[in-house]
Amino acid sequence: LAKTIDMLGLVGIPAPEKRVRDYPHQFSGGMRQRVMIAMALSC
């Protein structure tokens, strides 16, 4: 969980500790793209 929150913060998603519990439809297109980048870089 800590790593996931850290990655969301790294790609510029505000309040990552809250948004980590949100679903894709709650993000804008640009935010979803940042999530994909966080996922790709996480490992």
PDB file of all heavy atoms in Angstrom:
ATOM      1  N   LEU A   1       0.829  -1.200   0.000  1.00  0.00           N
ATOM      2  CA  LEU A   1       0.000   0.000   0.000  1.00  0.00           C
ATOM      3  C   LEU A   1       0.865   1.252   0.000  1.00  0.00           C
ATOM      4  O   LEU A   1       0.585   2.209  -0.730  1.00  0.00           O
ATOM      5  CB  LEU A   1      -0.930  -0.010   1.208  1.00  0.00           C
ATOM      6  CG  LEU A   1      -1.839   1.221   1.375  1.00  0.00           C
ATOM      7  CD1 LEU A   1      -2.753   1.376   0.152  1.00  0.00           C
ATOM      8  CD2 LEU A   1      -2.653   1.133   2.660  1.00  0.00           C
ATOM      9  N   ALA A   2       1.916   1.243   0.810  1.00  0.00           N
ATOM     10  CA  ALA A   2       2.813   2.405   0.869  1.00  0.00           C
ATOM     11  C   ALA A   2       3.490   2.646  -0.475  1.00  0.00           C
ATOM     12  O   ALA A   2       3.612   3.790  -0.925  1.00  0.00           O
ATOM     13  CB  ALA A   2       3.857   2.192   1.964  1.00  0.00           C
ATOM     14  N   LYS A   3       3.917   1.563  -1.126  1.00  0.00           N
ATOM     15  CA  LYS A   3       4.547   1.678  -2.443  1.00  0.00           C
ATOM     16  C   LYS A   3       3.560   2.215  -3.469  1.00  0.00           C
ATOM     17  O   LYS A   3       3.907   3.064  -4.304  1.00  0.00           O
ATOM     18  CB  LYS A   3       5.058   0.298  -2.876  1.00  0.00           C
ATOM     19  CG  LYS A   3       5.596   0.205  -4.294  1.00  0.00           C
ATOM     20  CD  LYS A   3       6.976   0.763  -4.429  1.00  0.00           C
ATOM     21  CE  LYS A   3       7.564   0.482  -5.788  1.00  0.00           C
ATOM     22  NZ  LYS A   3       8.900   1.062  -5.973  1.00  0.00           N
ATOM     23  N   THR A   4       2.315   1.733  -3.415  1.00  0.00           N
ATOM     24  CA  THR A   4       1.288   2.176  -4.351  1.00  0.00           C
ATOM     25  C   THR A   4       1.004   3.664  -4.190  1.00  0.00           C
ATOM     26  O   THR A   4       0.929   4.415  -5.172  1.00  0.00           O
ATOM     27  CB  THR A   4      -0.004   1.365  -4.147  1.00  0.00           C
ATOM     28  OG1 THR A   4       0.275  -0.021  -4.347  1.00  0.00           O
ATOM     29  CG2 THR A   4      -1.097   1.813  -5.097  1.00  0.00           C
ATOM     30  N   ILE A   5       0.844   4.114  -2.950  1.00  0.00           N
ATOM     31  CA  ILE A   5       0.595   5.534  -2.686  1.00  0.00           C
ATOM     32  C   ILE A   5       1.778   6.379  -3.152  1.00  0.00           C
ATOM     33  O   ILE A   5       1.607   7.453  -3.743  1.00  0.00           O
ATOM     34  CB  ILE A   5       0.316   5.750  -1.180  1.00  0.00           C
ATOM     35  CG1 ILE A   5      -1.023   5.096  -0.805  1.00  0.00           C
ATOM     36  CG2 ILE A   5       0.309   7.236  -0.838  1.00  0.00           C
ATOM     37  CD1 ILE A   5      -1.300   5.093   0.689  1.00  0.00           C
ATOM     38  N   ASP A   6       2.980   5.873  -2.918  1.00  0.00           N
ATOM     39  CA  ASP A   6       4.186   6.587  -3.331  1.00  0.00           C
ATOM     40  C   ASP A   6       4.229   6.745  -4.851  1.00  0.00           C
ATOM     41  O   ASP A   6       4.564   7.814  -5.371  1.00  0.00           O
ATOM     42  CB  ASP A   6       5.423   5.838  -2.841  1.00  0.00           C
ATOM     43  CG  ASP A   6       6.712   6.580  -3.160  1.00  0.00           C
ATOM     44  OD1 ASP A   6       6.772   7.797  -2.892  1.00  0.00           O
ATOM     45  OD2 ASP A   6       7.655   5.943  -3.662  1.00  0.00           O
ATOM     46  N   MET A   7       3.871   5.693  -5.583  1.00  0.00           N
ATOM     47  CA  MET A   7       3.898   5.759  -7.040  1.00  0.00           C
ATOM     48  C   MET A   7       2.850   6.743  -7.567  1.00  0.00           C
ATOM     49  O   MET A   7       3.113   7.489  -8.523  1.00  0.00           O
ATOM     50  CB  MET A   7       3.656   4.380  -7.645  1.00  0.00           C
ATOM     51  CG  MET A   7       4.787   3.388  -7.442  1.00  0.00           C
ATOM     52  SD  MET A   7       6.398   3.995  -7.988  1.00  0.00           S
ATOM     53  CE  MET A   7       6.081   4.344  -9.721  1.00  0.00           C
ATOM     54  N   LEU A   8       1.669   6.769  -6.955  1.00  0.00           N
ATOM     55  CA  LEU A   8       0.645   7.724  -7.381  1.00  0.00           C
ATOM     56  C   LEU A   8       1.122   9.157  -7.148  1.00  0.00           C
ATOM     57  O   LEU A   8       0.875  10.050  -7.968  1.00  0.00           O
ATOM     58  CB  LEU A   8      -0.663   7.471  -6.628  1.00  0.00           C
ATOM     59  CG  LEU A   8      -1.418   6.196  -6.995  1.00  0.00           C
ATOM     60  CD1 LEU A   8      -2.649   6.032  -6.114  1.00  0.00           C
ATOM     61  CD2 LEU A   8      -1.824   6.199  -8.467  1.00  0.00           C
ATOM     62  N   GLY A   9       1.807   9.374  -6.040  1.00  0.00           N
ATOM     63  CA  GLY A   9       2.362  10.698  -5.782  1.00  0.00           C
ATOM     64  C   GLY A   9       3.441  11.073  -6.785  1.00  0.00           C
ATOM     65  O   GLY A   9       3.512  12.231  -7.228  1.00  0.00           O
ATOM     66  N   LEU A  10       4.249  10.108  -7.173  1.00  0.00           N
ATOM     67  CA  LEU A  10       5.338  10.373  -8.114  1.00  0.00           C
ATOM     68  C   LEU A  10       4.828  10.823  -9.481  1.00  0.00           C
ATOM     69  O   LEU A  10       5.480  11.621 -10.160  1.00  0.00           O
ATOM     70  CB  LEU A  10       6.210   9.121  -8.285  1.00  0.00           C
ATOM     71  CG  LEU A  10       7.244   8.843  -7.201  1.00  0.00           C
ATOM     72  CD1 LEU A  10       7.930   7.512  -7.446  1.00  0.00           C
ATOM     73  CD2 LEU A  10       8.284   9.962  -7.146  1.00  0.00           C
ATOM     74  N   VAL A  11       3.677  10.304  -9.899  1.00  0.00           N
ATOM     75  CA  VAL A  11       3.145  10.683 -11.219  1.00  0.00           C
ATOM     76  C   VAL A  11       2.206  11.889 -11.134  1.00  0.00           C
ATOM     77  O   VAL A  11       1.509  12.209 -12.096  1.00  0.00           O
ATOM     78  CB  VAL A  11       2.429   9.498 -11.901  1.00  0.00           C
ATOM     79  CG1 VAL A  11       3.406   8.390 -12.186  1.00  0.00           C
ATOM     80  CG2 VAL A  11       1.265   8.984 -11.063  1.00  0.00           C
ATOM     81  N   GLY A  12       2.168  12.550  -9.973  1.00  0.00           N
ATOM     82  CA  GLY A  12       1.468  13.815  -9.870  1.00  0.00           C
ATOM     83  C   GLY A  12      -0.006  13.749  -9.563  1.00  0.00           C
ATOM     84  O   GLY A  12      -0.744  14.694  -9.855  1.00  0.00           O
ATOM     85  N   ILE A  13      -0.472  12.656  -8.974  1.00  0.00           N
ATOM     86  CA  ILE A  13      -1.879  12.559  -8.581  1.00  0.00           C
ATOM     87  C   ILE A  13      -2.029  13.143  -7.171  1.00  0.00           C
ATOM     88  O   ILE A  13      -1.404  12.659  -6.225  1.00  0.00           O
ATOM     89  CB  ILE A  13      -2.365  11.106  -8.627  1.00  0.00           C
ATOM     90  CG1 ILE A  13      -2.398  10.638 -10.087  1.00  0.00           C
ATOM     91  CG2 ILE A  13      -3.747  10.962  -7.985  1.00  0.00           C
ATOM     92  CD1 ILE A  13      -2.871   9.224 -10.281  1.00  0.00           C
ATOM     93  N   PRO A  14      -2.832  14.183  -7.000  1.00  0.00           N
ATOM     94  CA  PRO A  14      -2.975  14.812  -5.688  1.00  0.00           C
ATOM     95  C   PRO A  14      -3.694  13.910  -4.689  1.00  0.00           C
ATOM     96  O   PRO A  14      -4.513  13.067  -5.074  1.00  0.00           O
ATOM     97  CB  PRO A  14      -3.797  16.070  -5.998  1.00  0.00           C
ATOM     98  CG  PRO A  14      -4.526  15.762  -7.262  1.00  0.00           C
ATOM     99  CD  PRO A  14      -3.636  14.849  -8.040  1.00  0.00           C
ATOM    100  N   ALA A  15      -3.372  14.094  -3.408  1.00  0.00           N
ATOM    101  CA  ALA A  15      -3.958  13.306  -2.318  1.00  0.00           C
ATOM    102  C   ALA A  15      -3.943  11.812  -2.624  1.00  0.00           C
ATOM    103  O   ALA A  15      -4.990  11.150  -2.591  1.00  0.00           O
ATOM    104  CB  ALA A  15      -5.388  13.783  -2.033  1.00  0.00           C
ATOM    105  N   PRO A  16      -2.797  11.234  -2.922  1.00  0.00           N
ATOM    106  CA  PRO A  16      -2.754   9.825  -3.346  1.00  0.00           C
ATOM    107  C   PRO A  16      -3.247   8.859  -2.277  1.00  0.00           C
ATOM    108  O   PRO A  16      -3.792   7.806  -2.605  1.00  0.00           O
ATOM    109  CB  PRO A  16      -1.271   9.598  -3.661  1.00  0.00           C
ATOM    110  CG  PRO A  16      -0.534  10.643  -2.898  1.00  0.00           C
ATOM    111  CD  PRO A  16      -1.439  11.828  -2.894  1.00  0.00           C
ATOM    112  N   GLU A  17      -3.086   9.213  -1.001  1.00  0.00           N
ATOM    113  CA  GLU A  17      -3.539   8.324   0.066  1.00  0.00           C
ATOM    114  C   GLU A  17      -5.057   8.198   0.088  1.00  0.00           C
ATOM    115  O   GLU A  17      -5.600   7.205   0.600  1.00  0.00           O
ATOM    116  CB  GLU A  17      -3.031   8.821   1.425  1.00  0.00           C
ATOM    117  CG  GLU A  17      -3.552  10.182   1.860  1.00  0.00           C
ATOM    118  CD  GLU A  17      -2.855  11.347   1.163  1.00  0.00           C
ATOM    119  OE1 GLU A  17      -1.829  11.094   0.496  1.00  0.00           O
ATOM    120  OE2 GLU A  17      -3.351  12.486   1.291  1.00  0.00           O
ATOM    121  N   LYS A  18      -5.777   9.157  -0.491  1.00  0.00           N
ATOM    122  CA  LYS A  18      -7.225   9.073  -0.617  1.00  0.00           C
ATOM    123  C   LYS A  18      -7.633   8.473  -1.961  1.00  0.00           C
ATOM    124  O   LYS A  18      -8.516   7.618  -2.039  1.00  0.00           O
ATOM    125  CB  LYS A  18      -7.854  10.465  -0.467  1.00  0.00           C
ATOM    126  CG  LYS A  18      -7.662  11.082   0.919  1.00  0.00           C
ATOM    127  CD  LYS A  18      -8.335  12.447   0.992  1.00  0.00           C
ATOM    128  CE  LYS A  18      -8.163  13.068   2.376  1.00  0.00           C
ATOM    129  NZ  LYS A  18      -8.780  14.418   2.455  1.00  0.00           N
ATOM    130  N   ARG A  19      -6.968   8.891  -3.013  1.00  0.00           N
ATOM    131  CA  ARG A  19      -7.364   8.471  -4.352  1.00  0.00           C
ATOM    132  C   ARG A  19      -7.010   7.018  -4.645  1.00  0.00           C
ATOM    133  O   ARG A  19      -7.518   6.438  -5.604  1.00  0.00           O
ATOM    134  CB  ARG A  19      -6.731   9.392  -5.395  1.00  0.00           C
ATOM    135  CG  ARG A  19      -6.999  10.858  -5.129  1.00  0.00           C
ATOM    136  CD  ARG A  19      -7.650  11.577  -6.250  1.00  0.00           C
ATOM    137  NE  ARG A  19      -8.821  10.965  -6.817  1.00  0.00           N
ATOM    138  CZ  ARG A  19      -9.385  11.375  -7.954  1.00  0.00           C
ATOM    139  NH1 ARG A  19      -8.846  12.381  -8.605  1.00  0.00           N
ATOM    140  NH2 ARG A  19     -10.449  10.797  -8.430  1.00  0.00           N
ATOM    141  N   VAL A  20      -6.171   6.441  -3.824  1.00  0.00           N
ATOM    142  CA  VAL A  20      -5.810   5.039  -4.018  1.00  0.00           C
ATOM    143  C   VAL A  20      -7.027   4.122  -3.880  1.00  0.00           C
ATOM    144  O   VAL A  20      -7.037   3.005  -4.400  1.00  0.00           O
ATOM    145  CB  VAL A  20      -4.697   4.645  -3.015  1.00  0.00           C
ATOM    146  CG1 VAL A  20      -5.256   4.532  -1.600  1.00  0.00           C
ATOM    147  CG2 VAL A  20      -4.006   3.357  -3.427  1.00  0.00           C
ATOM    148  N   ARG A  21      -8.066   4.608  -3.234  1.00  0.00           N
ATOM    149  CA  ARG A  21      -9.291   3.817  -3.032  1.00  0.00           C
ATOM    150  C   ARG A  21     -10.366   4.117  -4.078  1.00  0.00           C
ATOM    151  O   ARG A  21     -11.448   3.536  -4.036  1.00  0.00           O
ATOM    152  CB  ARG A  21      -9.855   4.069  -1.635  1.00  0.00           C
ATOM    153  CG  ARG A  21      -8.902   3.677  -0.505  1.00  0.00           C
ATOM    154  CD  ARG A  21      -9.511   3.953   0.865  1.00  0.00           C
ATOM    155  NE  ARG A  21      -8.600   3.583   1.928  1.00  0.00           N
ATOM    156  CZ  ARG A  21      -7.641   4.384   2.417  1.00  0.00           C
ATOM    157  NH1 ARG A  21      -7.518   5.618   1.934  1.00  0.00           N
ATOM    158  NH2 ARG A  21      -6.839   3.979   3.380  1.00  0.00           N
ATOM    159  N   ASP A  22     -10.076   5.019  -5.020  1.00  0.00           N
ATOM    160  CA  ASP A  22     -11.058   5.384  -6.038  1.00  0.00           C
ATOM    161  C   ASP A  22     -11.015   4.409  -7.210  1.00  0.00           C
ATOM    162  O   ASP A  22     -10.059   3.638  -7.376  1.00  0.00           O
ATOM    163  CB  ASP A  22     -10.791   6.805  -6.549  1.00  0.00           C
ATOM    164  CG  ASP A  22     -11.165   7.865  -5.517  1.00  0.00           C
ATOM    165  OD1 ASP A  22     -11.881   7.519  -4.560  1.00  0.00           O
ATOM    166  OD2 ASP A  22     -10.732   9.017  -5.679  1.00  0.00           O
ATOM    167  N   TYR A  23     -12.063   4.479  -8.042  1.00  0.00           N
ATOM    168  CA  TYR A  23     -12.188   3.610  -9.213  1.00  0.00           C
ATOM    169  C   TYR A  23     -11.836   4.395 -10.482  1.00  0.00           C
ATOM    170  O   TYR A  23     -11.864   5.644 -10.481  1.00  0.00           O
ATOM    171  CB  TYR A  23     -13.613   3.057  -9.306  1.00  0.00           C
ATOM    172  CG  TYR A  23     -13.937   2.069  -8.212  1.00  0.00           C
ATOM    173  CD1 TYR A  23     -14.381   2.499  -6.953  1.00  0.00           C
ATOM    174  CD2 TYR A  23     -13.772   0.702  -8.416  1.00  0.00           C
ATOM    175  CE1 TYR A  23     -14.664   1.588  -5.939  1.00  0.00           C
ATOM    176  CE2 TYR A  23     -14.051  -0.209  -7.413  1.00  0.00           C
ATOM    177  CZ  TYR A  23     -14.487   0.242  -6.176  1.00  0.00           C
ATOM    178  OH  TYR A  23     -14.750  -0.663  -5.173  1.00  0.00           O
ATOM    179  N   PRO A  24     -11.514   3.702 -11.576  1.00  0.00           N
ATOM    180  CA  PRO A  24     -11.097   4.401 -12.792  1.00  0.00           C
ATOM    181  C   PRO A  24     -12.067   5.469 -13.280  1.00  0.00           C
ATOM    182  O   PRO A  24     -11.634   6.513 -13.776  1.00  0.00           O
ATOM    183  CB  PRO A  24     -10.974   3.260 -13.814  1.00  0.00           C
ATOM    184  CG  PRO A  24     -10.588   2.073 -12.999  1.00  0.00           C
ATOM    185  CD  PRO A  24     -11.359   2.227 -11.707  1.00  0.00           C
ATOM    186  N   HIS A  25     -13.391   5.236 -13.156  1.00  0.00           N
ATOM    187  CA  HIS A  25     -14.337   6.225 -13.673  1.00  0.00           C
ATOM    188  C   HIS A  25     -14.309   7.526 -12.885  1.00  0.00           C
ATOM    189  O   HIS A  25     -14.861   8.543 -13.332  1.00  0.00           O
ATOM    190  CB  HIS A  25     -15.766   5.648 -13.676  1.00  0.00           C
ATOM    191  CG  HIS A  25     -16.375   5.516 -12.310  1.00  0.00           C
ATOM    192  ND1 HIS A  25     -16.191   4.393 -11.526  1.00  0.00           N
ATOM    193  CD2 HIS A  25     -17.139   6.374 -11.573  1.00  0.00           C
ATOM    194  CE1 HIS A  25     -16.834   4.555 -10.375  1.00  0.00           C
ATOM    195  NE2 HIS A  25     -17.416   5.744 -10.382  1.00  0.00           N
ATOM    196  N   GLN A  26     -13.677   7.518 -11.708  1.00  0.00           N
ATOM    197  CA  GLN A  26     -13.580   8.723 -10.896  1.00  0.00           C
ATOM    198  C   GLN A  26     -12.364   9.576 -11.260  1.00  0.00           C
ATOM    199  O   GLN A  26     -12.129  10.605 -10.639  1.00  0.00           O
ATOM    200  CB  GLN A  26     -13.535   8.340  -9.417  1.00  0.00           C
ATOM    201  CG  GLN A  26     -14.814   7.677  -8.919  1.00  0.00           C
ATOM    202  CD  GLN A  26     -14.695   7.165  -7.497  1.00  0.00           C
ATOM    203  OE1 GLN A  26     -14.118   6.118  -7.246  1.00  0.00           O
ATOM    204  NE2 GLN A  26     -15.222   7.942  -6.557  1.00  0.00           N
ATOM    205  N   PHE A  27     -11.610   9.137 -12.255  1.00  0.00           N
ATOM    206  CA  PHE A  27     -10.434   9.871 -12.703  1.00  0.00           C
ATOM    207  C   PHE A  27     -10.679  10.435 -14.095  1.00  0.00           C
ATOM    208  O   PHE A  27     -11.383   9.838 -14.911  1.00  0.00           O
ATOM    209  CB  PHE A  27      -9.211   8.947 -12.758  1.00  0.00           C
ATOM    210  CG  PHE A  27      -8.662   8.561 -11.416  1.00  0.00           C
ATOM    211  CD1 PHE A  27      -9.325   7.653 -10.601  1.00  0.00           C
ATOM    212  CD2 PHE A  27      -7.473   9.103 -10.958  1.00  0.00           C
ATOM    213  CE1 PHE A  27      -8.824   7.292  -9.370  1.00  0.00           C
ATOM    214  CE2 PHE A  27      -6.952   8.752  -9.729  1.00  0.00           C
ATOM    215  CZ  PHE A  27      -7.621   7.855  -8.932  1.00  0.00           C
ATOM    216  N   SER A  28     -10.064  11.573 -14.388  1.00  0.00           N
ATOM    217  CA  SER A  28     -10.105  12.117 -15.745  1.00  0.00           C
ATOM    218  C   SER A  28      -9.214  11.278 -16.657  1.00  0.00           C
ATOM    219  O   SER A  28      -8.447  10.417 -16.196  1.00  0.00           O
ATOM    220  CB  SER A  28      -9.609  13.563 -15.740  1.00  0.00           C
ATOM    221  OG  SER A  28      -8.214  13.595 -15.413  1.00  0.00           O
ATOM    222  N   GLY A  29      -9.296  11.541 -17.970  1.00  0.00           N
ATOM    223  CA  GLY A  29      -8.470  10.787 -18.911  1.00  0.00           C
ATOM    224  C   GLY A  29      -6.984  10.937 -18.623  1.00  0.00           C
ATOM    225  O   GLY A  29      -6.225   9.963 -18.664  1.00  0.00           O
ATOM    226  N   GLY A  30      -6.564  12.172 -18.342  1.00  0.00           N
ATOM    227  CA  GLY A  30      -5.157  12.391 -18.031  1.00  0.00           C
ATOM    228  C   GLY A  30      -4.728  11.706 -16.746  1.00  0.00           C
ATOM    229  O   GLY A  30      -3.619  11.163 -16.653  1.00  0.00           O
ATOM    230  N   MET A  31      -5.610  11.712 -15.743  1.00  0.00           N
ATOM    231  CA  MET A  31      -5.310  11.039 -14.480  1.00  0.00           C
ATOM    232  C   MET A  31      -5.203   9.536 -14.667  1.00  0.00           C
ATOM    233  O   MET A  31      -4.333   8.876 -14.091  1.00  0.00           O
ATOM    234  CB  MET A  31      -6.401  11.355 -13.450  1.00  0.00           C
ATOM    235  CG  MET A  31      -6.360  12.774 -12.914  1.00  0.00           C
ATOM    236  SD  MET A  31      -4.992  13.030 -11.775  1.00  0.00           S
ATOM    237  CE  MET A  31      -5.449  14.607 -11.066  1.00  0.00           C
ATOM    238  N   ARG A  32      -6.086   8.971 -15.496  1.00  0.00           N
ATOM    239  CA  ARG A  32      -6.014   7.528 -15.756  1.00  0.00           C
ATOM    240  C   ARG A  32      -4.705   7.161 -16.446  1.00  0.00           C
ATOM    241  O   ARG A  32      -4.117   6.114 -16.165  1.00  0.00           O
ATOM    242  CB  ARG A  32      -7.209   7.088 -16.600  1.00  0.00           C
ATOM    243  CG  ARG A  32      -8.523   7.060 -15.843  1.00  0.00           C
ATOM    244  CD  ARG A  32      -9.598   6.312 -16.610  1.00  0.00           C
ATOM    245  NE  ARG A  32      -9.998   7.023 -17.805  1.00  0.00           N
ATOM    246  CZ  ARG A  32     -11.041   7.870 -17.869  1.00  0.00           C
ATOM    247  NH1 ARG A  32     -11.766   8.095 -16.785  1.00  0.00           N
ATOM    248  NH2 ARG A  32     -11.352   8.464 -18.998  1.00  0.00           N
ATOM    249  N   GLN A  33      -4.253   8.055 -17.349  1.00  0.00           N
ATOM    250  CA  GLN A  33      -2.978   7.790 -18.017  1.00  0.00           C
ATOM    251  C   GLN A  33      -1.832   7.808 -17.011  1.00  0.00           C
ATOM    252  O   GLN A  33      -0.911   6.996 -17.067  1.00  0.00           O
ATOM    253  CB  GLN A  33      -2.740   8.826 -19.112  1.00  0.00           C
ATOM    254  CG  GLN A  33      -1.519   8.568 -19.973  1.00  0.00           C
ATOM    255  CD  GLN A  33      -1.676   7.368 -20.879  1.00  0.00           C
ATOM    256  OE1 GLN A  33      -2.413   6.439 -20.584  1.00  0.00           O
ATOM    257  NE2 GLN A  33      -0.955   7.360 -21.980  1.00  0.00           N
ATOM    258  N   ARG A  34      -1.905   8.700 -16.034  1.00  0.00           N
ATOM    259  CA  ARG A  34      -0.864   8.739 -15.003  1.00  0.00           C
ATOM    260  C   ARG A  34      -0.898   7.481 -14.134  1.00  0.00           C
ATOM    261  O   ARG A  34       0.139   6.984 -13.691  1.00  0.00           O
ATOM    262  CB  ARG A  34      -1.027   9.996 -14.145  1.00  0.00           C
ATOM    263  CG  ARG A  34      -0.490  11.241 -14.825  1.00  0.00           C
ATOM    264  CD  ARG A  34      -0.536  12.436 -13.919  1.00  0.00           C
ATOM    265  NE  ARG A  34      -1.663  13.292 -14.226  1.00  0.00           N
ATOM    266  CZ  ARG A  34      -1.959  14.384 -13.567  1.00  0.00           C
ATOM    267  NH1 ARG A  34      -1.230  14.756 -12.530  1.00  0.00           N
ATOM    268  NH2 ARG A  34      -2.993  15.118 -13.914  1.00  0.00           N
ATOM    269  N   VAL A  35      -2.092   6.962 -13.901  1.00  0.00           N
ATOM    270  CA  VAL A  35      -2.206   5.701 -13.166  1.00  0.00           C
ATOM    271  C   VAL A  35      -1.519   4.573 -13.932  1.00  0.00           C
ATOM    272  O   VAL A  35      -0.800   3.751 -13.347  1.00  0.00           O
ATOM    273  CB  VAL A  35      -3.693   5.347 -12.912  1.00  0.00           C
ATOM    274  CG1 VAL A  35      -3.835   3.923 -12.398  1.00  0.00           C
ATOM    275  CG2 VAL A  35      -4.296   6.331 -11.914  1.00  0.00           C
ATOM    276  N   MET A  36      -1.726   4.524 -15.253  1.00  0.00           N
ATOM    277  CA  MET A  36      -1.077   3.500 -16.068  1.00  0.00           C
ATOM    278  C   MET A  36       0.442   3.621 -16.001  1.00  0.00           C
ATOM    279  O   MET A  36       1.162   2.616 -15.966  1.00  0.00           O
ATOM    280  CB  MET A  36      -1.546   3.622 -17.524  1.00  0.00           C
ATOM    281  CG  MET A  36      -2.991   3.272 -17.764  1.00  0.00           C
ATOM    282  SD  MET A  36      -3.348   1.542 -17.394  1.00  0.00           S
ATOM    283  CE  MET A  36      -2.248   0.718 -18.533  1.00  0.00           C
ATOM    284  N   ILE A  37       0.931   4.849 -15.983  1.00  0.00           N
ATOM    285  CA  ILE A  37       2.379   5.066 -15.900  1.00  0.00           C
ATOM    286  C   ILE A  37       2.893   4.623 -14.537  1.00  0.00           C
ATOM    287  O   ILE A  37       3.949   3.981 -14.435  1.00  0.00           O
ATOM    288  CB  ILE A  37       2.705   6.547 -16.177  1.00  0.00           C
ATOM    289  CG1 ILE A  37       2.373   6.868 -17.648  1.00  0.00           C
ATOM    290  CG2 ILE A  37       4.169   6.854 -15.882  1.00  0.00           C
ATOM    291  CD1 ILE A  37       2.377   8.345 -17.972  1.00  0.00           C
ATOM    292  N   ALA A  38       2.145   4.931 -13.479  1.00  0.00           N
ATOM    293  CA  ALA A  38       2.533   4.488 -12.134  1.00  0.00           C
ATOM    294  C   ALA A  38       2.589   2.969 -12.065  1.00  0.00           C
ATOM    295  O   ALA A  38       3.502   2.387 -11.459  1.00  0.00           O
ATOM    296  CB  ALA A  38       1.546   5.034 -11.102  1.00  0.00           C
ATOM    297  N   MET A  39       1.614   2.310 -12.684  1.00  0.00           N
ATOM    298  CA  MET A  39       1.568   0.848 -12.694  1.00  0.00           C
ATOM    299  C   MET A  39       2.779   0.270 -13.420  1.00  0.00           C
ATOM    300  O   MET A  39       3.403  -0.690 -12.966  1.00  0.00           O
ATOM    301  CB  MET A  39       0.265   0.393 -13.356  1.00  0.00           C
ATOM    302  CG  MET A  39      -0.055  -1.078 -13.183  1.00  0.00           C
ATOM    303  SD  MET A  39      -1.622  -1.512 -14.004  1.00  0.00           S
ATOM    304  CE  MET A  39      -2.759  -0.386 -13.213  1.00  0.00           C
ATOM    305  N   ALA A  40       3.132   0.878 -14.562  1.00  0.00           N
ATOM    306  CA  ALA A  40       4.255   0.370 -15.352  1.00  0.00           C
ATOM    307  C   ALA A  40       5.591   0.559 -14.638  1.00  0.00           C
ATOM    308  O   ALA A  40       6.489  -0.283 -14.748  1.00  0.00           O
ATOM    309  CB  ALA A  40       4.282   1.067 -16.711  1.00  0.00           C
ATOM    310  N   LEU A  41       5.725   1.658 -13.906  1.00  0.00           N
ATOM    311  CA  LEU A  41       7.007   1.957 -13.256  1.00  0.00           C
ATOM    312  C   LEU A  41       7.137   1.328 -11.874  1.00  0.00           C
ATOM    313  O   LEU A  41       8.234   1.335 -11.305  1.00  0.00           O
ATOM    314  CB  LEU A  41       7.177   3.476 -13.127  1.00  0.00           C
ATOM    315  CG  LEU A  41       7.196   4.296 -14.420  1.00  0.00           C
ATOM    316  CD1 LEU A  41       7.422   5.762 -14.105  1.00  0.00           C
ATOM    317  CD2 LEU A  41       8.254   3.793 -15.367  1.00  0.00           C
ATOM    318  N   SER A  42       6.071   0.757 -11.346  1.00  0.00           N
ATOM    319  CA  SER A  42       6.049   0.334  -9.941  1.00  0.00           C
ATOM    320  C   SER A  42       7.052  -0.762  -9.610  1.00  0.00           C
ATOM    321  O   SER A  42       7.516  -0.867  -8.473  1.00  0.00           O
ATOM    322  CB  SER A  42       4.639  -0.115  -9.546  1.00  0.00           C
ATOM    323  OG  SER A  42       4.233  -1.228 -10.324  1.00  0.00           O
ATOM    324  N   CYS A  43       7.393  -1.596 -10.592  1.00  0.00           N
ATOM    325  CA  CYS A  43       8.304  -2.722 -10.317  1.00  0.00           C
ATOM    326  C   CYS A  43       9.686  -2.526 -10.929  1.00  0.00           C
ATOM    327  O   CYS A  43      10.465  -3.479 -11.059  1.00  0.00           O
ATOM    328  CB  CYS A  43       7.686  -4.027 -10.811  1.00  0.00           C
ATOM    329  SG  CYS A  43       6.174  -4.492  -9.952  1.00  0.00           S
TER     330      CYS A  43
END
